[in-house]
Amino acid sequence: MARTQAADYDLRRDAITSADAALFAKKGFLGASVGDVSAACSMTKSLIYHYFPSKEDILFAVMWGHVSNLVQLANGIAARQRPADEQLRALARALMQAYNGAQAQQKILLNELDNLPLEKRALIVKAQRDVMAVVDKLVVEQSHSLRDWPRQRVPYVMMFFGMLNWTHTWFNRAGAVSEQQVADIAADMFLQGLPH
């Protein structure tokens, strides 16, 4: 007879991914043992394996939860009927908030991709490209001179993310500049640098 799923199954999976996101961000995926994983969650190894077949599956769940949220944010902003510059500014604000509300997950997404099996890595990369495609579309709307030059748009798109992706390493919410101000600075610099 198959083991039934506990009513709090999803809550426990979320607790595992949250605890292990902090662990992987601190020690690195390869530096964290299965014993570390179970200790971080205050669960036995066998109980961890009830929720996740492997340490790599936990890593994927951490990354997938974070990148799925980014895709949802980007698609939600792209669906708005507003000028491209306003959408880019809104996206910068949303990403800044998401990155700095999930520092551990963002660090893992940026640093641990190579530790996923190829098929799961491909899913994460596709989701990242979906977010990049939103920015690419907005770049075309904002800068008509780049419309017919997709390869030349890549550096612009990557620079948009480059200004925001690493803020989790230095941004201080208690500092003199707010999340929104940092996002607006990045959006202004980006928009002013686009060819017209």
N, C-alpha and C. Protein backbone atom coordinates (compact mmCIF):
# COMPACT_ATOMS: atom_id res chain seq x y z
N MET A 1 0.85 -1.19 0.00
CA MET A 1 0.00 0.00 0.00
C MET A 1 0.90 1.25 0.00
N ALA A 2 0.59 2.21 -0.84
CA ALA A 2 1.39 3.43 -0.94
C ALA A 2 1.21 4.29 0.30
N ARG A 3 2.31 4.93 0.68
CA ARG A 3 2.27 5.82 1.84
C ARG A 3 1.47 7.08 1.47
N THR A 4 0.54 7.47 2.34
CA THR A 4 -0.27 8.65 2.06
C THR A 4 0.55 9.91 2.37
N GLN A 5 0.17 10.98 1.69
CA GLN A 5 0.87 12.25 1.87
C GLN A 5 0.27 12.99 3.05
N ALA A 6 1.13 13.51 3.92
CA ALA A 6 0.67 14.27 5.08
C ALA A 6 0.00 15.56 4.63
N ALA A 7 -0.92 16.05 5.46
CA ALA A 7 -1.64 17.29 5.13
C ALA A 7 -0.68 18.47 5.01
N ASP A 8 0.43 18.42 5.74
CA ASP A 8 1.38 19.53 5.71
C ASP A 8 2.58 19.24 4.79
N TYR A 9 2.40 18.34 3.84
CA TYR A 9 3.49 17.93 2.95
C TYR A 9 4.14 19.13 2.26
N ASP A 10 3.33 19.98 1.62
CA ASP A 10 3.87 21.14 0.91
C ASP A 10 4.56 22.12 1.85
N LEU A 11 4.00 22.30 3.04
CA LEU A 11 4.62 23.19 4.03
C LEU A 11 5.99 22.68 4.44
N ARG A 12 6.10 21.38 4.62
CA ARG A 12 7.39 20.79 5.00
C ARG A 12 8.41 20.90 3.87
N ARG A 13 7.97 20.67 2.63
CA ARG A 13 8.87 20.85 1.48
C ARG A 13 9.37 22.29 1.41
N ASP A 14 8.46 23.24 1.63
CA ASP A 14 8.85 24.65 1.62
C ASP A 14 9.84 24.96 2.74
N ALA A 15 9.61 24.36 3.91
CA ALA A 15 10.52 24.57 5.05
C ALA A 15 11.91 24.02 4.73
N ILE A 16 11.95 22.86 4.06
CA ILE A 16 13.24 22.26 3.68
C ILE A 16 13.96 23.16 2.68
N THR A 17 13.26 23.60 1.66
CA THR A 17 13.92 24.44 0.65
C THR A 17 14.36 25.77 1.23
N SER A 18 13.59 26.33 2.14
CA SER A 18 13.97 27.60 2.76
C SER A 18 15.22 27.43 3.62
N ALA A 19 15.24 26.41 4.46
CA ALA A 19 16.40 26.18 5.33
C ALA A 19 17.63 25.83 4.51
N ASP A 20 17.45 25.02 3.50
CA ASP A 20 18.61 24.60 2.71
C ASP A 20 19.07 25.68 1.74
N ALA A 21 18.20 26.61 1.37
CA ALA A 21 18.65 27.76 0.58
C ALA A 21 19.67 28.54 1.39
N ALA A 22 19.37 28.78 2.66
CA ALA A 22 20.32 29.49 3.52
C ALA A 22 21.61 28.70 3.67
N LEU A 23 21.51 27.39 3.81
CA LEU A 23 22.68 26.53 3.95
C LEU A 23 23.53 26.55 2.68
N PHE A 24 22.91 26.36 1.52
CA PHE A 24 23.66 26.34 0.26
C PHE A 24 24.28 27.71 -0.04
N ALA A 25 23.58 28.77 0.34
CA ALA A 25 24.13 30.12 0.11
C ALA A 25 25.36 30.34 0.98
N LYS A 26 25.33 29.77 2.17
CA LYS A 26 26.46 29.96 3.11
C LYS A 26 27.64 29.05 2.79
N LYS A 27 27.37 27.77 2.58
CA LYS A 27 28.44 26.78 2.41
C LYS A 27 28.72 26.41 0.97
N GLY A 28 27.82 26.77 0.07
CA GLY A 28 27.90 26.28 -1.30
C GLY A 28 27.26 24.91 -1.37
N PHE A 29 26.72 24.57 -2.53
CA PHE A 29 26.04 23.28 -2.68
C PHE A 29 27.00 22.13 -2.42
N LEU A 30 28.19 22.17 -3.00
CA LEU A 30 29.14 21.08 -2.84
C LEU A 30 29.71 21.02 -1.43
N GLY A 31 29.74 22.15 -0.74
CA GLY A 31 30.27 22.18 0.62
C GLY A 31 29.29 21.72 1.68
N ALA A 32 28.04 21.54 1.31
CA ALA A 32 27.01 21.12 2.27
C ALA A 32 26.76 19.62 2.13
N SER A 33 26.96 18.90 3.20
CA SER A 33 26.73 17.46 3.19
C SER A 33 25.24 17.16 3.40
N VAL A 34 24.85 15.93 3.18
CA VAL A 34 23.47 15.53 3.45
C VAL A 34 23.18 15.67 4.94
N GLY A 35 24.19 15.42 5.76
CA GLY A 35 24.03 15.64 7.20
C GLY A 35 23.75 17.10 7.52
N ASP A 36 24.46 18.00 6.83
CA ASP A 36 24.21 19.44 7.00
C ASP A 36 22.79 19.78 6.57
N VAL A 37 22.34 19.17 5.46
CA VAL A 37 21.00 19.42 4.95
C VAL A 37 19.96 19.01 5.98
N SER A 38 20.11 17.83 6.55
CA SER A 38 19.12 17.37 7.53
C SER A 38 19.19 18.20 8.82
N ALA A 39 20.40 18.58 9.23
CA ALA A 39 20.54 19.41 10.44
C ALA A 39 19.91 20.78 10.24
N ALA A 40 20.07 21.37 9.06
CA ALA A 40 19.50 22.68 8.78
C ALA A 40 17.98 22.67 8.88
N CYS A 41 17.40 21.51 8.59
CA CYS A 41 15.93 21.36 8.61
C CYS A 41 15.42 20.76 9.90
N SER A 42 16.33 20.36 10.78
CA SER A 42 15.95 19.65 12.02
C SER A 42 15.12 18.41 11.71
N MET A 43 15.57 17.67 10.68
CA MET A 43 14.90 16.44 10.28
C MET A 43 15.95 15.36 10.08
N THR A 44 15.52 14.12 10.18
CA THR A 44 16.43 13.02 9.90
C THR A 44 16.68 12.94 8.40
N LYS A 45 17.78 12.28 8.02
CA LYS A 45 18.08 12.11 6.60
C LYS A 45 16.95 11.35 5.90
N SER A 46 16.43 10.32 6.56
CA SER A 46 15.38 9.52 5.93
C SER A 46 14.11 10.36 5.70
N LEU A 47 13.82 11.27 6.62
CA LEU A 47 12.65 12.12 6.44
C LEU A 47 12.88 13.11 5.30
N ILE A 48 14.09 13.64 5.19
CA ILE A 48 14.42 14.52 4.06
C ILE A 48 14.16 13.77 2.74
N TYR A 49 14.62 12.50 2.68
CA TYR A 49 14.45 11.72 1.46
C TYR A 49 12.99 11.40 1.16
N HIS A 50 12.13 11.49 2.16
CA HIS A 50 10.69 11.33 1.91
C HIS A 50 10.18 12.50 1.06
N TYR A 51 10.77 13.67 1.25
CA TYR A 51 10.32 14.87 0.53
C TYR A 51 11.12 15.14 -0.75
N PHE A 52 12.38 14.76 -0.74
CA PHE A 52 13.24 14.98 -1.91
C PHE A 52 14.12 13.76 -2.12
N PRO A 53 14.16 13.22 -3.34
CA PRO A 53 14.97 12.03 -3.61
C PRO A 53 16.47 12.26 -3.47
N SER A 54 16.93 13.51 -3.63
CA SER A 54 18.36 13.77 -3.58
C SER A 54 18.62 15.22 -3.19
N LYS A 55 19.86 15.49 -2.86
CA LYS A 55 20.28 16.85 -2.55
C LYS A 55 20.11 17.74 -3.79
N GLU A 56 20.37 17.19 -4.98
CA GLU A 56 20.20 17.94 -6.22
C GLU A 56 18.74 18.35 -6.43
N ASP A 57 17.80 17.50 -5.98
CA ASP A 57 16.39 17.85 -6.09
C ASP A 57 16.03 19.02 -5.19
N ILE A 58 16.67 19.10 -4.04
CA ILE A 58 16.45 20.26 -3.16
C ILE A 58 16.99 21.52 -3.84
N LEU A 59 18.20 21.41 -4.39
CA LEU A 59 18.80 22.55 -5.10
C LEU A 59 17.88 23.02 -6.23
N PHE A 60 17.36 22.08 -7.00
CA PHE A 60 16.46 22.44 -8.08
C PHE A 60 15.21 23.13 -7.55
N ALA A 61 14.65 22.61 -6.47
CA ALA A 61 13.43 23.21 -5.90
C ALA A 61 13.69 24.64 -5.44
N VAL A 62 14.86 24.89 -4.85
CA VAL A 62 15.22 26.25 -4.43
C VAL A 62 15.28 27.16 -5.65
N MET A 63 16.01 26.72 -6.68
CA MET A 63 16.17 27.54 -7.88
C MET A 63 14.84 27.72 -8.61
N TRP A 64 14.09 26.64 -8.77
CA TRP A 64 12.85 26.69 -9.52
C TRP A 64 11.84 27.62 -8.85
N GLY A 65 11.74 27.54 -7.55
CA GLY A 65 10.82 28.44 -6.83
C GLY A 65 11.17 29.90 -7.07
N HIS A 66 12.46 30.21 -7.05
CA HIS A 66 12.90 31.60 -7.23
C HIS A 66 12.73 32.05 -8.67
N VAL A 67 13.21 31.26 -9.62
CA VAL A 67 13.16 31.68 -11.02
C VAL A 67 11.71 31.70 -11.53
N SER A 68 10.87 30.84 -11.03
CA SER A 68 9.45 30.85 -11.41
C SER A 68 8.79 32.16 -10.97
N ASN A 69 9.17 32.62 -9.80
CA ASN A 69 8.66 33.89 -9.31
C ASN A 69 9.11 35.03 -10.22
N LEU A 70 10.37 35.00 -10.66
CA LEU A 70 10.88 36.04 -11.56
C LEU A 70 10.14 36.04 -12.90
N VAL A 71 9.87 34.85 -13.42
CA VAL A 71 9.12 34.73 -14.68
C VAL A 71 7.72 35.33 -14.50
N GLN A 72 7.08 34.99 -13.41
CA GLN A 72 5.73 35.50 -13.14
C GLN A 72 5.74 37.02 -13.03
N LEU A 73 6.73 37.58 -12.33
CA LEU A 73 6.83 39.04 -12.22
C LEU A 73 7.01 39.68 -13.59
N ALA A 74 7.95 39.14 -14.37
CA ALA A 74 8.24 39.72 -15.69
C ALA A 74 7.03 39.63 -16.60
N ASN A 75 6.37 38.48 -16.62
CA ASN A 75 5.20 38.33 -17.50
C ASN A 75 4.05 39.23 -17.07
N GLY A 76 3.89 39.40 -15.76
CA GLY A 76 2.85 40.30 -15.26
C GLY A 76 3.07 41.73 -15.69
N ILE A 77 4.32 42.18 -15.64
CA ILE A 77 4.65 43.54 -16.05
C ILE A 77 4.52 43.67 -17.57
N ALA A 78 4.96 42.65 -18.31
CA ALA A 78 4.88 42.69 -19.77
C ALA A 78 3.43 42.76 -20.25
N ALA A 79 2.50 42.23 -19.46
CA ALA A 79 1.09 42.21 -19.86
C ALA A 79 0.42 43.58 -19.69
N ARG A 80 1.06 44.49 -18.99
CA ARG A 80 0.48 45.82 -18.79
C ARG A 80 0.54 46.62 -20.09
N GLN A 81 -0.46 47.40 -20.30
CA GLN A 81 -0.51 48.27 -21.49
C GLN A 81 0.07 49.63 -21.13
N ARG A 82 1.42 49.68 -21.04
CA ARG A 82 2.10 50.92 -20.71
C ARG A 82 3.30 51.09 -21.63
N PRO A 83 3.83 52.30 -21.72
CA PRO A 83 5.03 52.51 -22.54
C PRO A 83 6.19 51.64 -22.04
N ALA A 84 7.08 51.29 -22.95
CA ALA A 84 8.19 50.39 -22.63
C ALA A 84 9.07 50.93 -21.51
N ASP A 85 9.32 52.23 -21.48
CA ASP A 85 10.19 52.77 -20.43
C ASP A 85 9.55 52.59 -19.05
N GLU A 86 8.24 52.76 -18.97
CA GLU A 86 7.54 52.55 -17.70
C GLU A 86 7.58 51.07 -17.29
N GLN A 87 7.44 50.19 -18.27
CA GLN A 87 7.49 48.76 -17.97
C GLN A 87 8.89 48.35 -17.52
N LEU A 88 9.92 48.88 -18.15
CA LEU A 88 11.29 48.57 -17.73
C LEU A 88 11.55 49.06 -16.32
N ARG A 89 11.07 50.25 -16.01
CA ARG A 89 11.23 50.79 -14.65
C ARG A 89 10.47 49.91 -13.64
N ALA A 90 9.26 49.51 -13.99
CA ALA A 90 8.46 48.65 -13.11
C ALA A 90 9.15 47.30 -12.91
N LEU A 91 9.72 46.77 -14.00
CA LEU A 91 10.42 45.49 -13.89
C LEU A 91 11.66 45.62 -13.02
N ALA A 92 12.41 46.71 -13.17
CA ALA A 92 13.59 46.92 -12.33
C ALA A 92 13.19 46.96 -10.85
N ARG A 93 12.11 47.63 -10.54
CA ARG A 93 11.63 47.71 -9.16
C ARG A 93 11.21 46.33 -8.64
N ALA A 94 10.47 45.60 -9.48
CA ALA A 94 9.99 44.27 -9.06
C ALA A 94 11.16 43.31 -8.86
N LEU A 95 12.14 43.34 -9.76
CA LEU A 95 13.30 42.45 -9.62
C LEU A 95 14.11 42.82 -8.40
N MET A 96 14.31 44.11 -8.18
CA MET A 96 15.08 44.55 -7.01
C MET A 96 14.42 44.05 -5.73
N GLN A 97 13.12 44.16 -5.66
CA GLN A 97 12.40 43.69 -4.49
C GLN A 97 12.50 42.17 -4.35
N ALA A 98 12.36 41.46 -5.46
CA ALA A 98 12.43 39.99 -5.43
C ALA A 98 13.83 39.52 -5.04
N TYR A 99 14.86 40.12 -5.63
CA TYR A 99 16.23 39.70 -5.34
C TYR A 99 16.58 39.92 -3.87
N ASN A 100 16.20 41.07 -3.36
CA ASN A 100 16.60 41.41 -2.00
C ASN A 100 15.66 40.86 -0.95
N GLY A 101 14.56 40.26 -1.39
CA GLY A 101 13.70 39.53 -0.47
C GLY A 101 14.06 38.05 -0.44
N ALA A 102 14.99 37.66 -1.29
CA ALA A 102 15.40 36.25 -1.40
C ALA A 102 16.90 36.18 -1.72
N GLN A 103 17.70 36.79 -0.85
CA GLN A 103 19.14 36.86 -1.10
C GLN A 103 19.77 35.49 -1.28
N ALA A 104 19.42 34.54 -0.44
CA ALA A 104 20.01 33.20 -0.53
C ALA A 104 19.64 32.55 -1.86
N GLN A 105 18.38 32.63 -2.24
CA GLN A 105 17.93 32.02 -3.48
C GLN A 105 18.60 32.67 -4.69
N GLN A 106 18.75 33.99 -4.64
CA GLN A 106 19.39 34.69 -5.75
C GLN A 106 20.86 34.29 -5.87
N LYS A 107 21.54 34.19 -4.74
CA LYS A 107 22.95 33.77 -4.75
C LYS A 107 23.08 32.36 -5.34
N ILE A 108 22.19 31.48 -4.96
CA ILE A 108 22.21 30.10 -5.46
C ILE A 108 21.93 30.07 -6.96
N LEU A 109 20.94 30.84 -7.39
CA LEU A 109 20.61 30.88 -8.82
C LEU A 109 21.80 31.33 -9.65
N LEU A 110 22.55 32.30 -9.14
CA LEU A 110 23.69 32.84 -9.88
C LEU A 110 24.94 31.95 -9.81
N ASN A 111 25.07 31.15 -8.73
CA ASN A 111 26.33 30.44 -8.51
C ASN A 111 26.29 28.92 -8.61
N GLU A 112 25.12 28.31 -8.56
CA GLU A 112 25.05 26.86 -8.42
C GLU A 112 24.43 26.13 -9.60
N LEU A 113 24.16 26.82 -10.68
CA LEU A 113 23.49 26.21 -11.82
C LEU A 113 24.22 24.97 -12.34
N ASP A 114 25.53 25.01 -12.37
CA ASP A 114 26.31 23.88 -12.90
C ASP A 114 26.20 22.62 -12.05
N ASN A 115 25.66 22.73 -10.85
CA ASN A 115 25.51 21.56 -9.99
C ASN A 115 24.19 20.83 -10.17
N LEU A 116 23.39 21.30 -11.10
CA LEU A 116 22.14 20.60 -11.42
C LEU A 116 22.39 19.60 -12.55
N PRO A 117 21.64 18.49 -12.56
CA PRO A 117 21.68 17.60 -13.73
C PRO A 117 21.24 18.37 -14.98
N LEU A 118 21.72 17.95 -16.13
CA LEU A 118 21.50 18.70 -17.37
C LEU A 118 20.04 18.99 -17.66
N GLU A 119 19.16 18.02 -17.46
CA GLU A 119 17.75 18.24 -17.81
C GLU A 119 17.10 19.27 -16.90
N LYS A 120 17.50 19.30 -15.63
CA LYS A 120 16.94 20.29 -14.71
C LYS A 120 17.59 21.66 -14.93
N ARG A 121 18.86 21.65 -15.27
CA ARG A 121 19.56 22.89 -15.59
C ARG A 121 18.88 23.55 -16.80
N ALA A 122 18.49 22.75 -17.78
CA ALA A 122 17.84 23.28 -18.97
C ALA A 122 16.53 23.98 -18.63
N LEU A 123 15.79 23.46 -17.66
CA LEU A 123 14.54 24.09 -17.24
C LEU A 123 14.79 25.47 -16.62
N ILE A 124 15.83 25.55 -15.80
CA ILE A 124 16.17 26.83 -15.15
C ILE A 124 16.63 27.83 -16.21
N VAL A 125 17.48 27.38 -17.12
CA VAL A 125 17.99 28.27 -18.18
C VAL A 125 16.84 28.77 -19.05
N LYS A 126 15.88 27.90 -19.38
CA LYS A 126 14.74 28.34 -20.18
C LYS A 126 13.95 29.41 -19.43
N ALA A 127 13.74 29.22 -18.15
CA ALA A 127 13.00 30.23 -17.36
C ALA A 127 13.76 31.55 -17.34
N GLN A 128 15.08 31.49 -17.17
CA GLN A 128 15.88 32.71 -17.20
C GLN A 128 15.75 33.40 -18.56
N ARG A 129 15.75 32.62 -19.61
CA ARG A 129 15.63 33.19 -20.96
C ARG A 129 14.24 33.80 -21.17
N ASP A 130 13.23 33.22 -20.54
CA ASP A 130 11.89 33.80 -20.63
C ASP A 130 11.86 35.20 -20.02
N VAL A 131 12.56 35.38 -18.91
CA VAL A 131 12.64 36.70 -18.28
C VAL A 131 13.43 37.65 -19.18
N MET A 132 14.53 37.16 -19.72
CA MET A 132 15.34 37.98 -20.63
C MET A 132 14.55 38.39 -21.87
N ALA A 133 13.67 37.51 -22.35
CA ALA A 133 12.87 37.81 -23.54
C ALA A 133 11.93 38.99 -23.29
N VAL A 134 11.45 39.11 -22.07
CA VAL A 134 10.59 40.25 -21.73
C VAL A 134 11.39 41.54 -21.87
N VAL A 135 12.61 41.55 -21.35
CA VAL A 135 13.44 42.75 -21.46
C VAL A 135 13.80 43.01 -22.92
N ASP A 136 14.10 41.97 -23.66
CA ASP A 136 14.43 42.14 -25.07
C ASP A 136 13.27 42.80 -25.82
N LYS A 137 12.07 42.34 -25.56
CA LYS A 137 10.88 42.92 -26.21
C LYS A 137 10.74 44.39 -25.86
N LEU A 138 10.97 44.73 -24.61
CA LEU A 138 10.86 46.12 -24.19
C LEU A 138 11.97 46.98 -24.77
N VAL A 139 13.16 46.41 -24.93
CA VAL A 139 14.26 47.13 -25.57
C VAL A 139 13.89 47.49 -27.00
N VAL A 140 13.29 46.55 -27.73
CA VAL A 140 12.87 46.80 -29.11
C VAL A 140 11.83 47.92 -29.15
N GLU A 141 10.89 47.89 -28.20
CA GLU A 141 9.85 48.93 -28.17
C GLU A 141 10.44 50.30 -27.85
N GLN A 142 11.45 50.30 -27.02
CA GLN A 142 12.05 51.56 -26.59
C GLN A 142 13.09 52.08 -27.58
N SER A 143 13.80 51.18 -28.24
CA SER A 143 14.88 51.55 -29.14
C SER A 143 14.66 50.93 -30.50
N HIS A 144 13.98 51.65 -31.37
CA HIS A 144 13.64 51.12 -32.69
C HIS A 144 14.88 50.80 -33.53
N SER A 145 15.99 51.49 -33.25
CA SER A 145 17.20 51.24 -34.05
C SER A 145 17.78 49.86 -33.78
N LEU A 146 17.39 49.21 -32.66
CA LEU A 146 17.88 47.86 -32.36
C LEU A 146 16.93 46.77 -32.84
N ARG A 147 15.79 47.15 -33.39
CA ARG A 147 14.75 46.19 -33.76
C ARG A 147 15.27 45.06 -34.66
N ASP A 148 16.05 45.40 -35.65
CA ASP A 148 16.51 44.40 -36.62
C ASP A 148 17.88 43.82 -36.28
N TRP A 149 18.33 44.03 -35.07
CA TRP A 149 19.68 43.58 -34.68
C TRP A 149 19.63 42.78 -33.38
N PRO A 150 19.05 41.57 -33.40
CA PRO A 150 18.89 40.79 -32.16
C PRO A 150 20.21 40.50 -31.45
N ARG A 151 21.26 40.26 -32.22
CA ARG A 151 22.55 39.95 -31.57
C ARG A 151 23.13 41.18 -30.87
N GLN A 152 22.87 42.36 -31.43
CA GLN A 152 23.35 43.58 -30.78
C GLN A 152 22.53 43.93 -29.54
N ARG A 153 21.32 43.38 -29.44
CA ARG A 153 20.49 43.65 -28.26
C ARG A 153 20.95 42.87 -27.05
N VAL A 154 21.61 41.76 -27.26
CA VAL A 154 22.01 40.88 -26.14
C VAL A 154 22.82 41.64 -25.09
N PRO A 155 23.85 42.42 -25.46
CA PRO A 155 24.59 43.14 -24.41
C PRO A 155 23.72 44.11 -23.62
N TYR A 156 22.76 44.75 -24.30
CA TYR A 156 21.88 45.67 -23.59
C TYR A 156 21.02 44.91 -22.57
N VAL A 157 20.45 43.81 -23.01
CA VAL A 157 19.61 43.01 -22.12
C VAL A 157 20.42 42.51 -20.93
N MET A 158 21.62 42.00 -21.19
CA MET A 158 22.45 41.47 -20.11
C MET A 158 22.89 42.58 -19.15
N MET A 159 23.12 43.78 -19.67
CA MET A 159 23.51 44.89 -18.79
C MET A 159 22.36 45.33 -17.89
N PHE A 160 21.14 45.23 -18.40
CA PHE A 160 19.98 45.53 -17.55
C PHE A 160 20.01 44.62 -16.32
N PHE A 161 20.19 43.33 -16.56
CA PHE A 161 20.22 42.39 -15.44
C PHE A 161 21.49 42.54 -14.62
N GLY A 162 22.60 42.85 -15.28
CA GLY A 162 23.86 43.00 -14.57
C GLY A 162 23.82 44.09 -13.52
N MET A 163 23.04 45.14 -13.77
CA MET A 163 22.94 46.22 -12.78
C MET A 163 22.14 45.79 -11.56
N LEU A 164 21.28 44.80 -11.72
CA LEU A 164 20.38 44.41 -10.63
C LEU A 164 20.72 43.07 -9.98
N ASN A 165 21.22 42.13 -10.77
CA ASN A 165 21.39 40.75 -10.29
C ASN A 165 22.25 40.62 -9.04
N TRP A 166 23.25 41.45 -8.91
CA TRP A 166 24.21 41.28 -7.82
C TRP A 166 23.94 42.21 -6.64
N THR A 167 22.83 42.93 -6.67
CA THR A 167 22.54 43.85 -5.56
C THR A 167 22.38 43.10 -4.24
N HIS A 168 22.04 41.82 -4.31
CA HIS A 168 21.89 41.05 -3.07
C HIS A 168 23.21 40.98 -2.29
N THR A 169 24.34 41.26 -2.96
CA THR A 169 25.64 41.18 -2.28
C THR A 169 26.00 42.47 -1.54
N TRP A 170 25.38 43.58 -1.90
CA TRP A 170 25.80 44.85 -1.30
C TRP A 170 24.66 45.73 -0.79
N PHE A 171 23.45 45.53 -1.29
CA PHE A 171 22.37 46.43 -0.91
C PHE A 171 21.97 46.23 0.55
N ASN A 172 21.77 47.35 1.25
CA ASN A 172 21.37 47.33 2.66
C ASN A 172 20.04 48.05 2.78
N ARG A 173 19.00 47.32 3.12
CA ARG A 173 17.67 47.92 3.23
C ARG A 173 17.61 49.03 4.28
N ALA A 174 18.52 48.99 5.24
CA ALA A 174 18.55 50.03 6.27
C ALA A 174 19.45 51.19 5.87
N GLY A 175 20.00 51.13 4.67
CA GLY A 175 20.92 52.18 4.20
C GLY A 175 20.19 53.44 3.76
N ALA A 176 20.97 54.37 3.22
CA ALA A 176 20.46 55.69 2.85
C ALA A 176 19.61 55.67 1.58
N VAL A 177 19.76 54.63 0.75
CA VAL A 177 19.03 54.56 -0.51
C VAL A 177 18.07 53.38 -0.46
N SER A 178 16.84 53.62 -0.89
CA SER A 178 15.83 52.57 -0.84
C SER A 178 15.96 51.61 -2.02
N GLU A 179 15.29 50.46 -1.91
CA GLU A 179 15.21 49.50 -3.02
C GLU A 179 14.71 50.17 -4.29
N GLN A 180 13.63 50.93 -4.14
CA GLN A 180 13.02 51.60 -5.29
C GLN A 180 13.99 52.59 -5.92
N GLN A 181 14.74 53.33 -5.08
CA GLN A 181 15.70 54.29 -5.62
C GLN A 181 16.81 53.59 -6.41
N VAL A 182 17.29 52.46 -5.89
CA VAL A 182 18.32 51.71 -6.60
C VAL A 182 17.77 51.23 -7.94
N ALA A 183 16.55 50.70 -7.92
CA ALA A 183 15.92 50.24 -9.17
C ALA A 183 15.77 51.38 -10.17
N ASP A 184 15.37 52.55 -9.68
CA ASP A 184 15.19 53.70 -10.57
C ASP A 184 16.53 54.19 -11.13
N ILE A 185 17.58 54.15 -10.32
CA ILE A 185 18.91 54.53 -10.80
C ILE A 185 19.32 53.59 -11.93
N ALA A 186 19.14 52.30 -11.71
CA ALA A 186 19.50 51.31 -12.74
C ALA A 186 18.67 51.51 -14.00
N ALA A 187 17.37 51.73 -13.83
CA ALA A 187 16.49 51.92 -15.00
C ALA A 187 16.87 53.19 -15.76
N ASP A 188 17.17 54.27 -15.04
CA ASP A 188 17.56 55.52 -15.69
C ASP A 188 18.85 55.34 -16.48
N MET A 189 19.84 54.72 -15.87
CA MET A 189 21.12 54.50 -16.55
C MET A 189 20.91 53.65 -17.79
N PHE A 190 20.09 52.62 -17.65
CA PHE A 190 19.83 51.72 -18.78
C PHE A 190 19.11 52.44 -19.91
N LEU A 191 18.04 53.13 -19.58
CA LEU A 191 17.25 53.80 -20.60
C LEU A 191 18.03 54.90 -21.31
N GLN A 192 18.86 55.62 -20.56
CA GLN A 192 19.67 56.68 -21.17
C GLN A 192 20.75 56.12 -22.07
N GLY A 193 21.14 54.86 -21.85
CA GLY A 193 22.18 54.25 -22.66
C GLY A 193 21.68 53.57 -23.92
N LEU A 194 20.36 53.44 -24.06
CA LEU A 194 19.83 52.81 -25.27
C LEU A 194 19.92 53.75 -26.46
N PRO A 195 20.31 53.23 -27.63
CA PRO A 195 20.31 54.09 -28.82
C PRO A 195 18.88 54.41 -29.25
N HIS A 196 18.71 55.55 -29.86
CA HIS A 196 17.36 55.98 -30.29
C HIS A 196 17.20 55.87 -31.77
